[in-house]
C-alpha atoms as a PDB file:
ATOM      1  CA  MET A   1      86.856 104.622 112.290  1.00  0.00           C
ATOM      2  CA  SER A   2      85.854 107.764 110.688  1.00  0.00           C
ATOM      3  CA  SER A   3      88.539 109.070 108.073  1.00  0.00           C
ATOM      4  CA  ALA A   4      88.883 111.192 104.743  1.00  0.00           C
ATOM      5  CA  HIS A   5      88.340 109.945 101.866  1.00  0.00           C
ATOM      6  CA  VAL A   6      90.761 110.116  98.542  1.00  0.00           C
ATOM      7  CA  TYR A   7      89.712 109.658  95.236  1.00  0.00           C
ATOM      8  CA  LEU A   8      92.928 108.868  92.652  1.00  0.00           C
ATOM      9  CA  SER A   9      92.115 109.028  89.211  1.00  0.00           C
ATOM     10  CA  LEU A  10      94.378 106.263  87.486  1.00  0.00           C
ATOM     11  CA  PRO A  11      96.320 106.668  84.297  1.00  0.00           C
ATOM     12  CA  ARG A  12      95.287 104.335  81.419  1.00  0.00           C
ATOM     13  CA  GLY A  13      96.637 101.385  82.087  1.00  0.00           C
ATOM     14  CA  ILE A  14      97.245 101.327  85.589  1.00  0.00           C
ATOM     15  CA  THR A  15      95.071  99.653  87.454  1.00  0.00           C
ATOM     16  CA  ILE A  16      94.116  99.239  91.748  1.00  0.00           C
ATOM     17  CA  ASN A  17      97.046  96.308  91.678  1.00  0.00           C
ATOM     18  CA  SER A  18      99.752  98.177  89.896  1.00  0.00           C
ATOM     19  CA  ILE A  19      99.241 101.510  91.382  1.00  0.00           C
ATOM     20  CA  PRO A  20     103.291 102.776  92.220  1.00  0.00           C
ATOM     21  CA  GLU A  21     104.035 101.907  96.042  1.00  0.00           C
ATOM     22  CA  GLU A  22     104.960 105.578  96.385  1.00  0.00           C
ATOM     23  CA  LEU A  23     101.448 106.996  95.200  1.00  0.00           C
ATOM     24  CA  LEU A  24     100.179 104.333  97.318  1.00  0.00           C
ATOM     25  CA  GLU A  25     101.561 105.637 100.012  1.00  0.00           C
ATOM     26  CA  ASP A  26     100.397 109.206  99.767  1.00  0.00           C
ATOM     27  CA  CYS A  27      96.917 108.469  99.251  1.00  0.00           C
ATOM     28  CA  CYS A  28      96.829 106.480 102.279  1.00  0.00           C
ATOM     29  CA  GLN A  29      99.303 108.670 104.457  1.00  0.00           C
ATOM     30  CA  LEU A  30      96.598 111.576 103.575  1.00  0.00           C
ATOM     31  CA  VAL A  31      93.582 109.551 105.184  1.00  0.00           C
ATOM     32  CA  LYS A  32      95.250 108.866 108.319  1.00  0.00           C
ATOM     33  CA  LYS A  33      96.746 112.348 108.596  1.00  0.00           C
ATOM     34  CA  ASN A  34      93.038 113.461 107.637  1.00  0.00           C
ATOM     35  CA  SER A  35      91.176 110.628 110.520  1.00  0.00           C
ATOM     36  CA  ILE A  36      90.201 112.639 113.940  1.00  0.00           C
ATOM     37  CA  LYS A  37      91.537 109.169 115.406  1.00  0.00           C
ATOM     38  CA  GLY A  38      94.154 107.991 112.965  1.00  0.00           C
ATOM     39  CA  CYS A  39      96.057 110.684 113.112  1.00  0.00           C
ATOM     40  CA  LYS A  40      96.886 109.525 116.776  1.00  0.00           C
ATOM     41  CA  LEU A  41      97.989 106.190 115.980  1.00  0.00           C
ATOM     42  CA  GLU A  42     101.232 104.542 114.994  1.00  0.00           C
ATOM     43  CA  VAL A  43      99.619 102.314 112.135  1.00  0.00           C
ATOM     44  CA  VAL A  44      96.410 102.597 110.784  1.00  0.00           C
ATOM     45  CA  ASP A  45      94.551  99.789 107.676  1.00  0.00           C
ATOM     46  CA  VAL A  46      93.577 101.546 105.198  1.00  0.00           C
ATOM     47  CA  ILE A  47      90.863 100.359 102.698  1.00  0.00           C
ATOM     48  CA  TYR A  48      91.598 100.671  99.118  1.00  0.00           C
ATOM     49  CA  THR A  49      88.703  99.910  96.223  1.00  0.00           C
ATOM     50  CA  PRO A  50      87.600 100.494  92.500  1.00  0.00           C
ATOM     51  CA  ARG A  51      85.003 103.562  92.190  1.00  0.00           C
ATOM     52  CA  GLU A  52      82.938 101.434  90.892  1.00  0.00           C
ATOM     53  CA  ASN A  53      82.817  99.229  93.617  1.00  0.00           C
ATOM     54  CA  LEU A  54      81.113 101.589  96.554  1.00  0.00           C
ATOM     55  CA  LYS A  55      77.546 100.826  96.915  1.00  0.00           C
ATOM     56  CA  LYS A  56      75.759 104.292  97.686  1.00  0.00           C
ATOM     57  CA  SER A  57      72.122 104.509  98.122  1.00  0.00           C
ATOM     58  CA  LYS A  58      69.360 106.809  99.726  1.00  0.00           C
ATOM     59  CA  GLY A  59      69.865 107.295 103.580  1.00  0.00           C
ATOM     60  CA  MET A  60      72.906 105.949 104.446  1.00  0.00           C
ATOM     61  CA  ALA A  61      74.964 107.853 107.468  1.00  0.00           C
ATOM     62  CA  SER A  62      77.370 110.800 106.097  1.00  0.00           C
ATOM     63  CA  GLY A  63      80.909 108.954 105.027  1.00  0.00           C
ATOM     64  CA  GLU A  64      79.227 104.808 104.939  1.00  0.00           C
ATOM     65  CA  ASN A  65      80.655 103.122 101.827  1.00  0.00           C
ATOM     66  CA  PRO A  66      79.786  99.752 102.023  1.00  0.00           C
ATOM     67  CA  LEU A  67      81.317  97.782  98.930  1.00  0.00           C
ATOM     68  CA  ASN A  68      79.236  96.193  96.160  1.00  0.00           C
ATOM     69  CA  ASN A  69      81.712  93.260  95.749  1.00  0.00           C
ATOM     70  CA  LYS A  70      84.237  92.573  99.520  1.00  0.00           C
ATOM     71  CA  THR A  71      86.565  90.934  97.491  1.00  0.00           C
ATOM     72  CA  GLU A  72      87.227  93.852  95.131  1.00  0.00           C
ATOM     73  CA  LYS A  73      88.903  95.578  98.529  1.00  0.00           C
ATOM     74  CA  ARG A  74      92.141  95.822  99.455  1.00  0.00           C
ATOM     75  CA  LEU A  75      94.259  97.054 102.139  1.00  0.00           C
ATOM     76  CA  ALA A  76      97.412  98.625 102.981  1.00  0.00           C
ATOM     77  CA  THR A  77      99.006  98.810 106.818  1.00  0.00           C
ATOM     78  CA  ARG A  78     100.706 102.369 107.249  1.00  0.00           C
ATOM     79  CA  ASN A  79     102.750 103.114 109.726  1.00  0.00           C
ATOM     80  CA  SER A  80     103.169 106.834 111.079  1.00  0.00           C
ATOM     81  CA  MET A  81     104.148 109.955 108.539  1.00  0.00           C
ATOM     82  CA  ARG A  82     107.520 109.849 106.974  1.00  0.00           C
END
């Protein structure tokens, strides 16, 4: 499903595994709200990964974001806006 992309600059000392839950929730809700299909669903899965893990090459479709290492992705399941 297509969706918005949210980029988060993490402060020094914060890793993908230690993003504060409230901040992660805000990012996930932005993705859900700005997805044409996702905003109509009760629950959506949001995948997040470090920027360095995105593999973008010439000729890829707009919005396509394959990953270099699939084990570096995380999944957040989110309900409707709070």
